Amino acid sequence: MLHSLKFEEYKDAFRYLTLRRENGILEVRMHYNDGPAKWSGYDVSLHSELPELFQCVTKDPENKIMIFTGTGHEFLAEWDRTDETEVLVSPQQWHRLYKDGKELIHWFLDIEIPIIAAVNGKCFIHPELPTLCDVVIASETSVFADKAHLTDTRAVPGDGSHVWWPMLLGPNRGRSFLILGEEIPAAEAKTLGFVAEVVPQDAVLDRAWEIARTLITHDPLVLKYTRISLTQHMKRRFLDDLGYGLALEGLGILSLAQNASKSKGWSFSLPSGTSG
């Protein structure tokens, strides 16, 4: 059986996440050196730290509500380009991204407490994360788009975005949203129904805390079972389609790497003789 965690055991364990907790309300703030968060696939990055954090949140029974936010004027819109060398594409490297990609979504949905997103600005990378939260509060400056795939890296949007956005926007708008890298500002997002409230940027985190302090007056098991009941159908869809989408994304990246290296492909020897 997995042991329970105490807040002191993990609160300072992450390089790109700052945690604070007050009366059972856990605030998770993404950052990059205390500035706006940046995304990468490096071994130590938000890509690897967020799944680990989600496991910690789940294992700590003192967490009753979670607030998920960014830093400064952006939620998550920049790439970490610290290492400008070429990215090595290998089965081992993609397996790590495949594993982290599955855990990022599955372990997020495994959190059994209400999650409030305080979207403080542009969210162009993994916009499914804040919109998978139970209550989404967005600043007036917030814009939602999936720029991390076809738009920026020319990659297949197979890391869960292919599941979530057609569910959220409908099959036609969801597909064009991903293919065209469409930007949806906060006011339109509220009209479309995936943002609950739009507030001034300097008020977004305060409003999230206000909602959290109201919710925490409810029975904790009622809150837990409400979260479970409202996410079960989402978990089923991601369980069916997330691994397959990540496999397709990996095959697409393999094609990009082959084209970039001007290679015809890679060969290996088949066994000789009769099979069996």
C-alpha atoms as a PDB file:
ATOM      1  CA  MET A   1       0.000   0.000   0.000  1.00  0.00           C
ATOM      2  CA  LEU A   2       1.309   3.460  -0.898  1.00  0.00           C
ATOM      3  CA  HIS A   3       2.205   5.469   2.176  1.00  0.00           C
ATOM      4  CA  SER A   4       0.689   8.824   2.975  1.00  0.00           C
ATOM      5  CA  LEU A   5       2.801  11.945   2.582  1.00  0.00           C
ATOM      6  CA  LYS A   6       3.105  15.003   4.753  1.00  0.00           C
ATOM      7  CA  PHE A   7       3.360  18.447   3.186  1.00  0.00           C
ATOM      8  CA  GLU A   8       6.848  18.984   4.612  1.00  0.00           C
ATOM      9  CA  GLU A   9       8.082  15.938   2.673  1.00  0.00           C
ATOM     10  CA  TYR A  10       7.401  17.410  -0.773  1.00  0.00           C
ATOM     11  CA  LYS A  11       6.733  21.146  -0.495  1.00  0.00           C
ATOM     12  CA  ASP A  12      10.317  22.068  -1.480  1.00  0.00           C
ATOM     13  CA  ALA A  13      10.988  19.082  -3.756  1.00  0.00           C
ATOM     14  CA  PHE A  14      10.294  20.792  -7.078  1.00  0.00           C
ATOM     15  CA  ARG A  15      12.430  23.192  -9.062  1.00  0.00           C
ATOM     16  CA  TYR A  16       9.654  24.706 -11.186  1.00  0.00           C
ATOM     17  CA  LEU A  17       6.704  24.531  -8.772  1.00  0.00           C
ATOM     18  CA  THR A  18       6.095  26.628  -5.671  1.00  0.00           C
ATOM     19  CA  LEU A  19       3.650  25.250  -3.118  1.00  0.00           C
ATOM     20  CA  ARG A  20       1.887  26.827  -0.184  1.00  0.00           C
ATOM     21  CA  ARG A  21      -0.975  25.517   1.919  1.00  0.00           C
ATOM     22  CA  GLU A  22      -3.416  27.260   4.214  1.00  0.00           C
ATOM     23  CA  ASN A  23      -6.114  25.396   6.144  1.00  0.00           C
ATOM     24  CA  GLY A  24      -6.212  22.522   3.668  1.00  0.00           C
ATOM     25  CA  ILE A  25      -6.105  24.713   0.549  1.00  0.00           C
ATOM     26  CA  LEU A  26      -3.037  23.906  -1.562  1.00  0.00           C
ATOM     27  CA  GLU A  27      -1.784  26.514  -4.045  1.00  0.00           C
ATOM     28  CA  VAL A  28       0.412  25.175  -6.849  1.00  0.00           C
ATOM     29  CA  ARG A  29       2.236  27.885  -8.826  1.00  0.00           C
ATOM     30  CA  MET A  30       4.233  27.046 -11.947  1.00  0.00           C
ATOM     31  CA  HIS A  31       7.273  29.208 -12.633  1.00  0.00           C
ATOM     32  CA  TYR A  32      10.691  29.395 -14.266  1.00  0.00           C
ATOM     33  CA  ASN A  33      13.236  30.934 -11.898  1.00  0.00           C
ATOM     34  CA  ASP A  34      10.250  32.679 -10.270  1.00  0.00           C
ATOM     35  CA  GLY A  35       9.190  34.230 -13.593  1.00  0.00           C
ATOM     36  CA  PRO A  36       6.578  33.012 -16.084  1.00  0.00           C
ATOM     37  CA  ALA A  37       6.598  29.235 -16.506  1.00  0.00           C
ATOM     38  CA  LYS A  38       8.431  27.649 -19.448  1.00  0.00           C
ATOM     39  CA  TRP A  39       7.883  24.211 -20.955  1.00  0.00           C
ATOM     40  CA  SER A  40      10.368  21.625 -22.197  1.00  0.00           C
ATOM     41  CA  GLY A  41      10.896  17.890 -22.438  1.00  0.00           C
ATOM     42  CA  TYR A  42      14.155  17.940 -20.456  1.00  0.00           C
ATOM     43  CA  ASP A  43      14.722  15.363 -17.744  1.00  0.00           C
ATOM     44  CA  VAL A  44      14.068  18.005 -15.071  1.00  0.00           C
ATOM     45  CA  SER A  45      11.210  20.201 -16.262  1.00  0.00           C
ATOM     46  CA  LEU A  46       7.529  20.874 -15.700  1.00  0.00           C
ATOM     47  CA  HIS A  47       6.904  17.906 -18.005  1.00  0.00           C
ATOM     48  CA  SER A  48       8.490  15.591 -15.437  1.00  0.00           C
ATOM     49  CA  GLU A  49       7.676  17.493 -12.227  1.00  0.00           C
ATOM     50  CA  LEU A  50       3.928  17.961 -12.663  1.00  0.00           C
ATOM     51  CA  PRO A  51       3.078  14.226 -12.696  1.00  0.00           C
ATOM     52  CA  GLU A  52       5.186  13.722  -9.575  1.00  0.00           C
ATOM     53  CA  LEU A  53       3.447  16.626  -7.864  1.00  0.00           C
ATOM     54  CA  PHE A  54       0.011  15.228  -8.730  1.00  0.00           C
ATOM     55  CA  GLN A  55       0.985  11.954  -7.025  1.00  0.00           C
ATOM     56  CA  CYS A  56       2.089  13.877  -3.929  1.00  0.00           C
ATOM     57  CA  VAL A  57      -1.183  15.806  -3.823  1.00  0.00           C
ATOM     58  CA  THR A  58      -3.101  12.539  -3.979  1.00  0.00           C
ATOM     59  CA  LYS A  59      -1.066  10.911  -1.212  1.00  0.00           C
ATOM     60  CA  ASP A  60      -1.439  13.792   1.259  1.00  0.00           C
ATOM     61  CA  PRO A  61      -4.788  13.499   3.094  1.00  0.00           C
ATOM     62  CA  GLU A  62      -4.473  17.051   4.432  1.00  0.00           C
ATOM     63  CA  ASN A  63      -5.029  18.514   0.961  1.00  0.00           C
ATOM     64  CA  LYS A  64      -8.711  19.413   0.645  1.00  0.00           C
ATOM     65  CA  ILE A  65      -8.772  21.907  -2.263  1.00  0.00           C
ATOM     66  CA  MET A  66      -6.119  22.655  -4.893  1.00  0.00           C
ATOM     67  CA  ILE A  67      -5.515  25.941  -6.734  1.00  0.00           C
ATOM     68  CA  PHE A  68      -3.461  25.690  -9.929  1.00  0.00           C
ATOM     69  CA  THR A  69      -1.893  28.868 -11.320  1.00  0.00           C
ATOM     70  CA  GLY A  70       1.064  30.389 -13.163  1.00  0.00           C
ATOM     71  CA  THR A  71       3.428  33.287 -12.526  1.00  0.00           C
ATOM     72  CA  GLY A  72       3.354  36.862 -13.799  1.00  0.00           C
ATOM     73  CA  HIS A  73       1.519  37.672 -17.015  1.00  0.00           C
ATOM     74  CA  GLU A  74       1.390  34.141 -18.457  1.00  0.00           C
ATOM     75  CA  PHE A  75      -0.023  30.804 -17.337  1.00  0.00           C
ATOM     76  CA  LEU A  76       2.065  28.614 -19.671  1.00  0.00           C
ATOM     77  CA  ALA A  77       3.085  30.011 -23.055  1.00  0.00           C
ATOM     78  CA  GLU A  78       6.887  29.872 -23.422  1.00  0.00           C
ATOM     79  CA  TRP A  79       9.443  27.204 -24.296  1.00  0.00           C
ATOM     80  CA  ASP A  80      12.566  26.631 -22.252  1.00  0.00           C
ATOM     81  CA  ARG A  81      15.338  26.969 -24.840  1.00  0.00           C
ATOM     82  CA  THR A  82      18.231  26.791 -22.372  1.00  0.00           C
ATOM     83  CA  ASP A  83      19.749  23.921 -24.317  1.00  0.00           C
ATOM     84  CA  GLU A  84      19.838  24.911 -27.980  1.00  0.00           C
ATOM     85  CA  THR A  85      21.471  21.675 -29.110  1.00  0.00           C
ATOM     86  CA  GLU A  86      19.548  19.309 -31.355  1.00  0.00           C
ATOM     87  CA  VAL A  87      17.125  16.981 -29.606  1.00  0.00           C
ATOM     88  CA  LEU A  88      18.077  13.314 -29.807  1.00  0.00           C
ATOM     89  CA  VAL A  89      15.163  11.201 -31.017  1.00  0.00           C
ATOM     90  CA  SER A  90      15.426   7.648 -29.718  1.00  0.00           C
ATOM     91  CA  PRO A  91      13.046   4.971 -28.438  1.00  0.00           C
ATOM     92  CA  GLN A  92      14.363   5.565 -24.929  1.00  0.00           C
ATOM     93  CA  GLN A  93      13.856   9.316 -25.117  1.00  0.00           C
ATOM     94  CA  TRP A  94      10.338   9.004 -26.507  1.00  0.00           C
ATOM     95  CA  HIS A  95       9.442   6.307 -23.971  1.00  0.00           C
ATOM     96  CA  ARG A  96      10.205   8.785 -21.196  1.00  0.00           C
ATOM     97  CA  LEU A  97       8.011  11.421 -22.827  1.00  0.00           C
ATOM     98  CA  TYR A  98       5.321   8.800 -23.486  1.00  0.00           C
ATOM     99  CA  LYS A  99       5.405   7.753 -19.824  1.00  0.00           C
ATOM    100  CA  ASP A 100       5.397  11.334 -18.510  1.00  0.00           C
ATOM    101  CA  GLY A 101       2.643  12.265 -20.976  1.00  0.00           C
ATOM    102  CA  LYS A 102       0.336   9.516 -19.770  1.00  0.00           C
ATOM    103  CA  GLU A 103       1.059  10.223 -16.121  1.00  0.00           C
ATOM    104  CA  LEU A 104       0.523  13.974 -16.599  1.00  0.00           C
ATOM    105  CA  ILE A 105      -3.138  13.431 -17.505  1.00  0.00           C
ATOM    106  CA  HIS A 106      -3.974  10.219 -15.642  1.00  0.00           C
ATOM    107  CA  TRP A 107      -2.435  11.332 -12.355  1.00  0.00           C
ATOM    108  CA  PHE A 108      -4.025  14.783 -12.687  1.00  0.00           C
ATOM    109  CA  LEU A 109      -7.453  13.179 -12.996  1.00  0.00           C
ATOM    110  CA  ASP A 110      -6.616  10.829 -10.119  1.00  0.00           C
ATOM    111  CA  ILE A 111      -6.521  13.804  -7.738  1.00  0.00           C
ATOM    112  CA  GLU A 112      -9.679  13.353  -5.669  1.00  0.00           C
ATOM    113  CA  ILE A 113     -10.160  16.904  -4.418  1.00  0.00           C
ATOM    114  CA  PRO A 114     -11.691  19.881  -6.259  1.00  0.00           C
ATOM    115  CA  ILE A 115      -9.199  21.819  -8.386  1.00  0.00           C
ATOM    116  CA  ILE A 116      -9.563  25.519  -9.190  1.00  0.00           C
ATOM    117  CA  ALA A 117      -7.597  26.953 -12.101  1.00  0.00           C
ATOM    118  CA  ALA A 118      -6.461  30.563 -11.693  1.00  0.00           C
ATOM    119  CA  VAL A 119      -5.426  31.295 -15.274  1.00  0.00           C
ATOM    120  CA  ASN A 120      -3.334  34.457 -15.047  1.00  0.00           C
ATOM    121  CA  GLY A 121      -2.586  34.965 -18.767  1.00  0.00           C
ATOM    122  CA  LYS A 122      -1.850  33.211 -22.039  1.00  0.00           C
ATOM    123  CA  CYS A 123      -2.014  29.429 -22.060  1.00  0.00           C
ATOM    124  CA  PHE A 124      -0.557  28.188 -25.340  1.00  0.00           C
ATOM    125  CA  ILE A 125       1.058  24.970 -24.065  1.00  0.00           C
ATOM    126  CA  HIS A 126      -1.047  22.175 -22.535  1.00  0.00           C
ATOM    127  CA  PRO A 127      -4.216  24.296 -22.344  1.00  0.00           C
ATOM    128  CA  GLU A 128      -6.064  21.104 -21.444  1.00  0.00           C
ATOM    129  CA  LEU A 129      -4.557  21.228 -17.941  1.00  0.00           C
ATOM    130  CA  PRO A 130      -6.340  24.343 -16.620  1.00  0.00           C
ATOM    131  CA  THR A 131      -9.533  23.508 -18.497  1.00  0.00           C
ATOM    132  CA  LEU A 132      -9.611  20.019 -16.925  1.00  0.00           C
ATOM    133  CA  CYS A 133      -9.935  21.751 -13.550  1.00  0.00           C
ATOM    134  CA  ASP A 134     -13.343  21.809 -11.865  1.00  0.00           C
ATOM    135  CA  VAL A 135     -13.629  25.606 -11.720  1.00  0.00           C
ATOM    136  CA  VAL A 136     -11.744  27.788 -14.207  1.00  0.00           C
ATOM    137  CA  ILE A 137     -11.179  31.443 -13.305  1.00  0.00           C
ATOM    138  CA  ALA A 138      -9.429  33.401 -16.059  1.00  0.00           C
ATOM    139  CA  SER A 139      -7.945  36.862 -16.173  1.00  0.00           C
ATOM    140  CA  GLU A 140      -9.149  39.283 -18.830  1.00  0.00           C
ATOM    141  CA  THR A 141      -5.738  38.875 -20.468  1.00  0.00           C
ATOM    142  CA  SER A 142      -5.998  35.087 -20.772  1.00  0.00           C
ATOM    143  CA  VAL A 143      -5.952  33.419 -24.172  1.00  0.00           C
ATOM    144  CA  PHE A 144      -6.239  29.670 -24.797  1.00  0.00           C
ATOM    145  CA  ALA A 145      -4.584  27.902 -27.739  1.00  0.00           C
ATOM    146  CA  ASP A 146      -2.674  24.723 -28.535  1.00  0.00           C
ATOM    147  CA  LYS A 147       0.556  26.060 -30.018  1.00  0.00           C
ATOM    148  CA  ALA A 148       2.800  23.211 -28.890  1.00  0.00           C
ATOM    149  CA  HIS A 149       1.975  20.849 -31.725  1.00  0.00           C
ATOM    150  CA  LEU A 150       1.235  21.690 -35.375  1.00  0.00           C
ATOM    151  CA  THR A 151       1.865  25.412 -34.857  1.00  0.00           C
ATOM    152  CA  ASP A 152       5.272  25.367 -33.109  1.00  0.00           C
ATOM    153  CA  THR A 153       6.836  21.914 -33.354  1.00  0.00           C
ATOM    154  CA  ARG A 154       4.878  20.490 -36.327  1.00  0.00           C
ATOM    155  CA  ALA A 155       4.021  17.522 -34.090  1.00  0.00           C
ATOM    156  CA  VAL A 156       0.819  15.483 -33.861  1.00  0.00           C
ATOM    157  CA  PRO A 157      -1.473  16.825 -31.078  1.00  0.00           C
ATOM    158  CA  GLY A 158      -1.670  13.385 -29.499  1.00  0.00           C
ATOM    159  CA  ASP A 159      -0.834  14.042 -25.841  1.00  0.00           C
ATOM    160  CA  GLY A 160      -4.431  14.305 -24.672  1.00  0.00           C
ATOM    161  CA  SER A 161      -5.380  17.448 -26.542  1.00  0.00           C
ATOM    162  CA  HIS A 162      -6.845  15.215 -29.277  1.00  0.00           C
ATOM    163  CA  VAL A 163      -9.204  13.769 -26.658  1.00  0.00           C
ATOM    164  CA  TRP A 164     -10.130  16.832 -24.652  1.00  0.00           C
ATOM    165  CA  TRP A 165     -10.710  19.660 -27.110  1.00  0.00           C
ATOM    166  CA  PRO A 166     -13.249  17.834 -29.321  1.00  0.00           C
ATOM    167  CA  MET A 167     -15.044  16.917 -26.074  1.00  0.00           C
ATOM    168  CA  LEU A 168     -14.955  20.499 -24.867  1.00  0.00           C
ATOM    169  CA  LEU A 169     -15.668  22.423 -28.083  1.00  0.00           C
ATOM    170  CA  GLY A 170     -17.487  19.790 -30.131  1.00  0.00           C
ATOM    171  CA  PRO A 171     -15.912  17.556 -32.758  1.00  0.00           C
ATOM    172  CA  ASN A 172     -15.659  20.140 -35.545  1.00  0.00           C
ATOM    173  CA  ARG A 173     -14.548  23.229 -33.604  1.00  0.00           C
ATOM    174  CA  GLY A 174     -12.266  21.051 -31.485  1.00  0.00           C
ATOM    175  CA  ARG A 175     -10.456  19.668 -34.512  1.00  0.00           C
ATOM    176  CA  SER A 176      -9.982  23.034 -36.197  1.00  0.00           C
ATOM    177  CA  PHE A 177      -8.833  24.515 -32.878  1.00  0.00           C
ATOM    178  CA  LEU A 178      -5.967  22.001 -32.819  1.00  0.00           C
ATOM    179  CA  ILE A 179      -5.129  22.006 -36.528  1.00  0.00           C
ATOM    180  CA  LEU A 180      -5.090  25.794 -36.942  1.00  0.00           C
ATOM    181  CA  GLY A 181      -3.682  26.776 -33.534  1.00  0.00           C
ATOM    182  CA  GLU A 182      -6.732  28.994 -32.999  1.00  0.00           C
ATOM    183  CA  GLU A 183      -6.596  31.476 -30.117  1.00  0.00           C
ATOM    184  CA  ILE A 184      -9.676  31.782 -27.897  1.00  0.00           C
ATOM    185  CA  PRO A 185      -9.666  34.810 -25.554  1.00  0.00           C
ATOM    186  CA  ALA A 186     -11.097  34.590 -22.057  1.00  0.00           C
ATOM    187  CA  ALA A 187     -14.400  36.323 -22.838  1.00  0.00           C
ATOM    188  CA  GLU A 188     -15.143  33.899 -25.680  1.00  0.00           C
ATOM    189  CA  ALA A 189     -14.026  30.972 -23.536  1.00  0.00           C
ATOM    190  CA  LYS A 190     -16.644  31.970 -20.959  1.00  0.00           C
ATOM    191  CA  THR A 191     -19.301  32.153 -23.686  1.00  0.00           C
ATOM    192  CA  LEU A 192     -18.242  28.718 -24.949  1.00  0.00           C
ATOM    193  CA  GLY A 193     -18.569  27.353 -21.437  1.00  0.00           C
ATOM    194  CA  PHE A 194     -15.062  26.228 -20.498  1.00  0.00           C
ATOM    195  CA  VAL A 195     -14.298  29.243 -18.292  1.00  0.00           C
ATOM    196  CA  ALA A 196     -16.522  29.960 -15.285  1.00  0.00           C
ATOM    197  CA  GLU A 197     -15.520  33.570 -14.572  1.00  0.00           C
ATOM    198  CA  VAL A 198     -13.401  36.307 -16.155  1.00  0.00           C
ATOM    199  CA  VAL A 199     -11.820  38.811 -13.763  1.00  0.00           C
ATOM    200  CA  PRO A 200      -9.062  41.453 -13.893  1.00  0.00           C
ATOM    201  CA  GLN A 201      -5.585  39.944 -13.941  1.00  0.00           C
ATOM    202  CA  ASP A 202      -4.663  41.242 -10.495  1.00  0.00           C
ATOM    203  CA  ALA A 203      -7.803  39.642  -9.024  1.00  0.00           C
ATOM    204  CA  VAL A 204      -7.636  36.137 -10.508  1.00  0.00           C
ATOM    205  CA  LEU A 205      -5.727  34.438  -7.691  1.00  0.00           C
ATOM    206  CA  ASP A 206      -7.692  36.227  -4.966  1.00  0.00           C
ATOM    207  CA  ARG A 207     -10.931  35.066  -6.583  1.00  0.00           C
ATOM    208  CA  ALA A 208      -9.673  31.478  -6.698  1.00  0.00           C
ATOM    209  CA  TRP A 209      -8.862  31.629  -2.991  1.00  0.00           C
ATOM    210  CA  GLU A 210     -12.266  33.140  -2.248  1.00  0.00           C
ATOM    211  CA  ILE A 211     -13.971  30.220  -3.980  1.00  0.00           C
ATOM    212  CA  ALA A 212     -11.684  27.727  -2.248  1.00  0.00           C
ATOM    213  CA  ARG A 213     -12.505  29.133   1.188  1.00  0.00           C
ATOM    214  CA  THR A 214     -16.205  28.760   0.405  1.00  0.00           C
ATOM    215  CA  LEU A 215     -15.863  25.204  -0.880  1.00  0.00           C
ATOM    216  CA  ILE A 216     -13.815  24.032   2.065  1.00  0.00           C
ATOM    217  CA  THR A 217     -16.772  24.581   4.386  1.00  0.00           C
ATOM    218  CA  HIS A 218     -18.368  21.485   2.820  1.00  0.00           C
ATOM    219  CA  ASP A 219     -17.869  17.982   4.166  1.00  0.00           C
ATOM    220  CA  PRO A 220     -14.500  16.761   2.819  1.00  0.00           C
ATOM    221  CA  LEU A 221     -15.854  13.396   1.693  1.00  0.00           C
ATOM    222  CA  VAL A 222     -18.695  15.097  -0.170  1.00  0.00           C
ATOM    223  CA  LEU A 223     -16.112  17.232  -1.992  1.00  0.00           C
ATOM    224  CA  LYS A 224     -13.984  14.163  -2.731  1.00  0.00           C
ATOM    225  CA  TYR A 225     -16.873  12.111  -4.085  1.00  0.00           C
ATOM    226  CA  THR A 226     -18.136  15.055  -6.136  1.00  0.00           C
ATOM    227  CA  ARG A 227     -14.751  15.338  -7.847  1.00  0.00           C
ATOM    228  CA  ILE A 228     -14.682  11.576  -8.480  1.00  0.00           C
ATOM    229  CA  SER A 229     -18.185  11.519  -9.947  1.00  0.00           C
ATOM    230  CA  LEU A 230     -17.518  14.474 -12.258  1.00  0.00           C
ATOM    231  CA  THR A 231     -14.249  13.145 -13.668  1.00  0.00           C
ATOM    232  CA  GLN A 232     -15.040   9.443 -14.142  1.00  0.00           C
ATOM    233  CA  HIS A 233     -16.206   9.782 -17.758  1.00  0.00           C
ATOM    234  CA  MET A 234     -13.133  11.897 -18.581  1.00  0.00           C
ATOM    235  CA  LYS A 235     -10.814   9.246 -17.134  1.00  0.00           C
ATOM    236  CA  ARG A 236     -12.476   6.604 -19.280  1.00  0.00           C
ATOM    237  CA  ARG A 237     -11.950   8.584 -22.487  1.00  0.00           C
ATOM    238  CA  PHE A 238      -8.303   9.306 -21.729  1.00  0.00           C
ATOM    239  CA  LEU A 239      -7.699   5.689 -20.754  1.00  0.00           C
ATOM    240  CA  ASP A 240      -8.996   4.597 -24.159  1.00  0.00           C
ATOM    241  CA  ASP A 241      -7.229   7.127 -26.370  1.00  0.00           C
ATOM    242  CA  LEU A 242      -4.264   8.822 -24.653  1.00  0.00           C
ATOM    243  CA  GLY A 243      -1.636   6.098 -25.129  1.00  0.00           C
ATOM    244  CA  TYR A 244      -2.616   5.650 -28.774  1.00  0.00           C
ATOM    245  CA  GLY A 245      -2.377   9.400 -29.396  1.00  0.00           C
ATOM    246  CA  LEU A 246       1.069   9.582 -27.819  1.00  0.00           C
ATOM    247  CA  ALA A 247       2.200   6.661 -29.999  1.00  0.00           C
ATOM    248  CA  LEU A 248       1.023   8.529 -33.110  1.00  0.00           C
ATOM    249  CA  GLU A 249       2.772  11.682 -31.910  1.00  0.00           C
ATOM    250  CA  GLY A 250       5.983   9.655 -31.519  1.00  0.00           C
ATOM    251  CA  LEU A 251       5.672   8.240 -35.047  1.00  0.00           C
ATOM    252  CA  GLY A 252       5.185  11.764 -36.371  1.00  0.00           C
ATOM    253  CA  ILE A 253       8.305  12.972 -34.569  1.00  0.00           C
ATOM    254  CA  LEU A 254      10.199  10.008 -36.028  1.00  0.00           C
ATOM    255  CA  SER A 255       9.161  11.190 -39.495  1.00  0.00           C
ATOM    256  CA  LEU A 256      10.266  14.750 -38.703  1.00  0.00           C
ATOM    257  CA  ALA A 257      13.633  13.435 -37.505  1.00  0.00           C
ATOM    258  CA  GLN A 258      14.057  11.298 -40.594  1.00  0.00           C
ATOM    259  CA  ASN A 259      13.320  14.244 -42.879  1.00  0.00           C
ATOM    260  CA  ALA A 260      15.669  16.513 -40.928  1.00  0.00           C
ATOM    261  CA  SER A 261      18.502  13.981 -41.167  1.00  0.00           C
ATOM    262  CA  LYS A 262      17.773  13.327 -44.857  1.00  0.00           C
ATOM    263  CA  SER A 263      17.797   9.625 -44.091  1.00  0.00           C
ATOM    264  CA  LYS A 264      15.820   6.985 -45.977  1.00  0.00           C
ATOM    265  CA  GLY A 265      15.239   5.181 -42.720  1.00  0.00           C
ATOM    266  CA  TRP A 266      16.979   2.753 -40.411  1.00  0.00           C
ATOM    267  CA  SER A 267      17.652  -0.913 -41.118  1.00  0.00           C
ATOM    268  CA  PHE A 268      17.839  -4.036 -39.009  1.00  0.00           C
ATOM    269  CA  SER A 269      18.376  -7.695 -39.789  1.00  0.00           C
ATOM    270  CA  LEU A 270      15.514 -10.154 -39.894  1.00  0.00           C
ATOM    271  CA  PRO A 271      16.098 -13.646 -38.485  1.00  0.00           C
ATOM    272  CA  SER A 272      17.078 -16.310 -40.993  1.00  0.00           C
ATOM    273  CA  GLY A 273      15.483 -19.701 -41.403  1.00  0.00           C
ATOM    274  CA  THR A 274      11.950 -20.852 -40.666  1.00  0.00           C
ATOM    275  CA  SER A 275       9.903 -19.087 -38.014  1.00  0.00           C
ATOM    276  CA  GLY A 276       9.150 -21.154 -34.949  1.00  0.00           C
END
